[in-house]
N, C-alpha and C. Protein backbone atom coordinates (compact mmCIF):
# COMPACT_ATOMS: atom_id res chain seq x y z
N UNK A 1 0.81 -1.20 0.00
CA UNK A 1 0.00 0.00 0.00
C UNK A 1 0.86 1.27 0.00
N UNK A 2 2.08 1.15 0.46
CA UNK A 2 2.95 2.33 0.54
C UNK A 2 3.15 2.98 -0.83
N UNK A 3 3.38 2.21 -1.90
CA UNK A 3 3.56 2.87 -3.20
C UNK A 3 2.34 3.69 -3.64
N UNK A 4 1.14 3.23 -3.28
CA UNK A 4 -0.05 3.99 -3.64
C UNK A 4 -0.11 5.31 -2.89
N UNK A 5 0.24 5.30 -1.62
CA UNK A 5 0.25 6.53 -0.82
C UNK A 5 1.30 7.50 -1.35
N UNK A 6 2.48 6.98 -1.67
CA UNK A 6 3.55 7.84 -2.20
C UNK A 6 3.13 8.42 -3.55
N UNK A 7 2.53 7.60 -4.39
CA UNK A 7 2.09 8.07 -5.70
C UNK A 7 1.05 9.18 -5.56
N UNK A 8 0.13 9.03 -4.61
CA UNK A 8 -0.88 10.07 -4.39
C UNK A 8 -0.26 11.38 -3.94
N UNK A 9 0.71 11.31 -3.03
CA UNK A 9 1.39 12.52 -2.56
C UNK A 9 2.13 13.18 -3.72
N UNK A 10 2.83 12.37 -4.50
CA UNK A 10 3.59 12.91 -5.63
C UNK A 10 2.66 13.59 -6.63
N UNK A 11 1.51 12.98 -6.91
CA UNK A 11 0.56 13.60 -7.84
C UNK A 11 0.04 14.93 -7.33
N UNK A 12 -0.25 15.02 -6.03
CA UNK A 12 -0.71 16.30 -5.46
C UNK A 12 0.38 17.36 -5.54
N UNK A 13 1.62 16.96 -5.27
CA UNK A 13 2.73 17.92 -5.34
C UNK A 13 2.93 18.40 -6.78
N UNK A 14 2.86 17.49 -7.74
CA UNK A 14 2.99 17.88 -9.15
C UNK A 14 1.87 18.83 -9.54
N UNK A 15 0.65 18.53 -9.11
CA UNK A 15 -0.47 19.42 -9.42
C UNK A 15 -0.25 20.81 -8.83
N UNK A 16 0.25 20.86 -7.60
CA UNK A 16 0.51 22.16 -6.97
C UNK A 16 1.60 22.91 -7.71
N UNK A 17 2.66 22.21 -8.11
CA UNK A 17 3.75 22.87 -8.84
C UNK A 17 3.30 23.38 -10.20
N UNK A 18 2.40 22.64 -10.85
CA UNK A 18 1.88 23.09 -12.14
C UNK A 18 1.03 24.34 -11.96
N UNK A 19 0.24 24.39 -10.89
CA UNK A 19 -0.65 25.52 -10.67
C UNK A 19 0.05 26.73 -10.09
N UNK A 20 1.19 26.56 -9.50
CA UNK A 20 1.89 27.65 -8.82
C UNK A 20 2.13 28.87 -9.72
N UNK A 21 2.63 28.70 -10.95
CA UNK A 21 2.83 29.89 -11.78
C UNK A 21 1.53 30.57 -12.21
N UNK A 22 0.43 29.82 -12.16
CA UNK A 22 -0.86 30.36 -12.60
C UNK A 22 -1.74 30.78 -11.44
N UNK A 23 -1.17 30.90 -10.25
CA UNK A 23 -1.98 31.19 -9.06
C UNK A 23 -2.75 32.50 -9.21
N UNK A 24 -2.09 33.55 -9.69
CA UNK A 24 -2.79 34.84 -9.84
C UNK A 24 -3.93 34.74 -10.85
N UNK A 25 -3.68 34.06 -11.95
CA UNK A 25 -4.72 33.92 -12.98
C UNK A 25 -5.88 33.08 -12.44
N UNK A 26 -5.56 32.03 -11.68
CA UNK A 26 -6.61 31.20 -11.08
C UNK A 26 -7.41 32.01 -10.06
N UNK A 27 -6.72 32.81 -9.27
CA UNK A 27 -7.40 33.62 -8.26
C UNK A 27 -8.32 34.65 -8.91
N UNK A 28 -7.86 35.25 -10.02
CA UNK A 28 -8.69 36.24 -10.71
C UNK A 28 -9.96 35.63 -11.29
N UNK A 29 -9.88 34.35 -11.65
CA UNK A 29 -11.06 33.70 -12.23
C UNK A 29 -11.90 33.00 -11.16
N UNK A 30 -11.54 33.17 -9.88
CA UNK A 30 -12.32 32.59 -8.81
C UNK A 30 -11.95 31.15 -8.48
N UNK A 31 -10.82 30.70 -8.99
CA UNK A 31 -10.38 29.31 -8.75
C UNK A 31 -9.06 29.27 -7.99
N UNK A 32 -8.82 30.25 -7.17
CA UNK A 32 -7.57 30.34 -6.42
C UNK A 32 -7.43 29.27 -5.35
N UNK A 33 -8.53 28.65 -4.97
CA UNK A 33 -8.47 27.62 -3.94
C UNK A 33 -7.84 26.33 -4.43
N UNK A 34 -7.74 26.13 -5.74
CA UNK A 34 -7.21 24.87 -6.25
C UNK A 34 -5.78 24.63 -5.82
N UNK A 35 -4.98 25.67 -5.76
CA UNK A 35 -3.60 25.50 -5.29
C UNK A 35 -3.59 25.07 -3.83
N UNK A 36 -4.43 25.67 -3.03
CA UNK A 36 -4.51 25.29 -1.62
C UNK A 36 -5.04 23.87 -1.45
N UNK A 37 -5.95 23.47 -2.31
CA UNK A 37 -6.47 22.10 -2.25
C UNK A 37 -5.38 21.10 -2.58
N UNK A 38 -4.55 21.41 -3.58
CA UNK A 38 -3.45 20.50 -3.95
C UNK A 38 -2.43 20.40 -2.81
N UNK A 39 -2.13 21.52 -2.18
CA UNK A 39 -1.19 21.50 -1.05
C UNK A 39 -1.78 20.70 0.11
N UNK A 40 -3.06 20.90 0.38
CA UNK A 40 -3.72 20.15 1.46
C UNK A 40 -3.74 18.66 1.13
N UNK A 41 -3.95 18.30 -0.13
CA UNK A 41 -3.94 16.89 -0.52
C UNK A 41 -2.59 16.25 -0.26
N UNK A 42 -1.52 16.97 -0.56
CA UNK A 42 -0.18 16.44 -0.31
C UNK A 42 0.07 16.31 1.19
N UNK A 43 -0.35 17.30 1.95
CA UNK A 43 -0.12 17.25 3.40
C UNK A 43 -0.96 16.17 4.07
N UNK A 44 -2.21 16.00 3.62
CA UNK A 44 -3.05 14.94 4.19
C UNK A 44 -2.58 13.56 3.76
N UNK A 45 -1.80 13.50 2.71
CA UNK A 45 -1.26 12.22 2.27
C UNK A 45 -0.18 11.70 3.21
N UNK A 46 0.47 12.58 3.94
CA UNK A 46 1.55 12.15 4.85
C UNK A 46 1.02 11.25 5.96
N UNK A 47 -0.07 11.61 6.67
CA UNK A 47 -0.61 10.65 7.65
C UNK A 47 -1.07 9.35 7.01
N UNK A 48 -1.59 9.43 5.80
CA UNK A 48 -1.98 8.21 5.10
C UNK A 48 -0.78 7.34 4.80
N UNK A 49 0.32 7.95 4.40
CA UNK A 49 1.55 7.20 4.15
C UNK A 49 2.06 6.53 5.42
N UNK A 50 2.06 7.27 6.51
CA UNK A 50 2.51 6.70 7.78
C UNK A 50 1.61 5.54 8.22
N UNK A 51 0.32 5.69 8.01
CA UNK A 51 -0.62 4.62 8.34
C UNK A 51 -0.34 3.37 7.51
N UNK A 52 -0.06 3.55 6.22
CA UNK A 52 0.22 2.41 5.36
C UNK A 52 1.55 1.74 5.72
N UNK A 53 2.53 2.51 6.15
CA UNK A 53 3.81 1.93 6.58
C UNK A 53 3.59 1.04 7.80
N UNK A 54 2.83 1.52 8.77
CA UNK A 54 2.55 0.73 9.97
C UNK A 54 1.72 -0.50 9.60
N UNK A 55 0.74 -0.33 8.73
CA UNK A 55 -0.10 -1.45 8.31
C UNK A 55 0.73 -2.53 7.64
N UNK A 56 1.60 -2.15 6.72
CA UNK A 56 2.43 -3.13 6.03
C UNK A 56 3.40 -3.82 7.00
N UNK A 57 3.94 -3.09 7.94
CA UNK A 57 4.85 -3.68 8.93
C UNK A 57 4.10 -4.71 9.78
N UNK A 58 2.91 -4.38 10.22
CA UNK A 58 2.11 -5.31 11.01
C UNK A 58 1.70 -6.54 10.20
N UNK A 59 1.38 -6.33 8.93
CA UNK A 59 1.00 -7.45 8.08
C UNK A 59 2.18 -8.40 7.90
N UNK A 60 3.39 -7.87 7.69
CA UNK A 60 4.57 -8.72 7.58
C UNK A 60 4.80 -9.50 8.86
N UNK A 61 4.60 -8.85 9.99
CA UNK A 61 4.78 -9.51 11.29
C UNK A 61 3.76 -10.63 11.47
N UNK A 62 2.49 -10.38 11.10
CA UNK A 62 1.46 -11.41 11.22
C UNK A 62 1.76 -12.60 10.31
N UNK A 63 2.21 -12.33 9.10
CA UNK A 63 2.52 -13.41 8.17
C UNK A 63 3.71 -14.24 8.67
N UNK A 64 4.71 -13.58 9.22
CA UNK A 64 5.87 -14.30 9.75
C UNK A 64 5.46 -15.17 10.93
N UNK A 65 4.61 -14.62 11.80
CA UNK A 65 4.14 -15.38 12.96
C UNK A 65 3.31 -16.58 12.51
N UNK A 66 2.46 -16.40 11.52
CA UNK A 66 1.63 -17.50 11.02
C UNK A 66 2.51 -18.57 10.37
N UNK A 67 3.55 -18.15 9.68
CA UNK A 67 4.45 -19.13 9.05
C UNK A 67 5.21 -19.92 10.11
N UNK A 68 5.65 -19.25 11.16
CA UNK A 68 6.38 -19.98 12.21
C UNK A 68 5.44 -20.87 13.01
N UNK A 69 4.19 -20.47 13.18
CA UNK A 69 3.21 -21.31 13.90
C UNK A 69 2.83 -22.54 13.09
N UNK A 70 2.91 -22.45 11.77
CA UNK A 70 2.52 -23.60 10.95
C UNK A 70 3.54 -24.74 11.05
N UNK A 71 4.75 -24.45 11.51
CA UNK A 71 5.77 -25.50 11.66
C UNK A 71 5.66 -26.20 13.01
N UNK A 72 4.94 -25.63 13.93
CA UNK A 72 4.79 -26.24 15.26
C UNK A 72 3.75 -27.36 15.17
N UNK A 73 3.98 -28.43 15.94
CA UNK A 73 3.01 -29.54 16.00
C UNK A 73 2.58 -29.73 17.43
N UNK A 74 1.43 -30.38 17.60
CA UNK A 74 0.92 -30.66 18.93
C UNK A 74 1.42 -31.99 19.45
N UNK A 75 2.12 -32.74 18.65
CA UNK A 75 2.61 -34.05 19.09
C UNK A 75 3.83 -33.90 19.98
N UNK A 76 3.88 -34.69 21.06
CA UNK A 76 5.06 -34.59 21.92
C UNK A 76 6.29 -35.16 21.22
N UNK A 77 7.43 -34.63 21.56
CA UNK A 77 8.67 -35.07 20.95
C UNK A 77 9.02 -36.47 21.44
N UNK A 78 9.56 -37.27 20.56
CA UNK A 78 9.96 -38.64 20.94
C UNK A 78 11.25 -38.59 21.76
N UNK A 79 11.32 -39.47 22.82
CA UNK A 79 12.55 -39.44 23.66
C UNK A 79 13.76 -40.02 23.00
């Protein structure tokens, strides 16, 4: 999931950079909020990225635990 979060942040940053030179023209036409929306999208993507990093780490841990549990048996060891 991390690549999707990073891609979303990158797209918002690219959109903001594209709109930056046109900010005055956008503001004159009543669309000046679009730059702020793109910046907010990039900033809100950071908590999403952190959430996905934690989620992926926990998923790896659960899979490793399940794999190690699958090797355990309930039979007592022979003497």
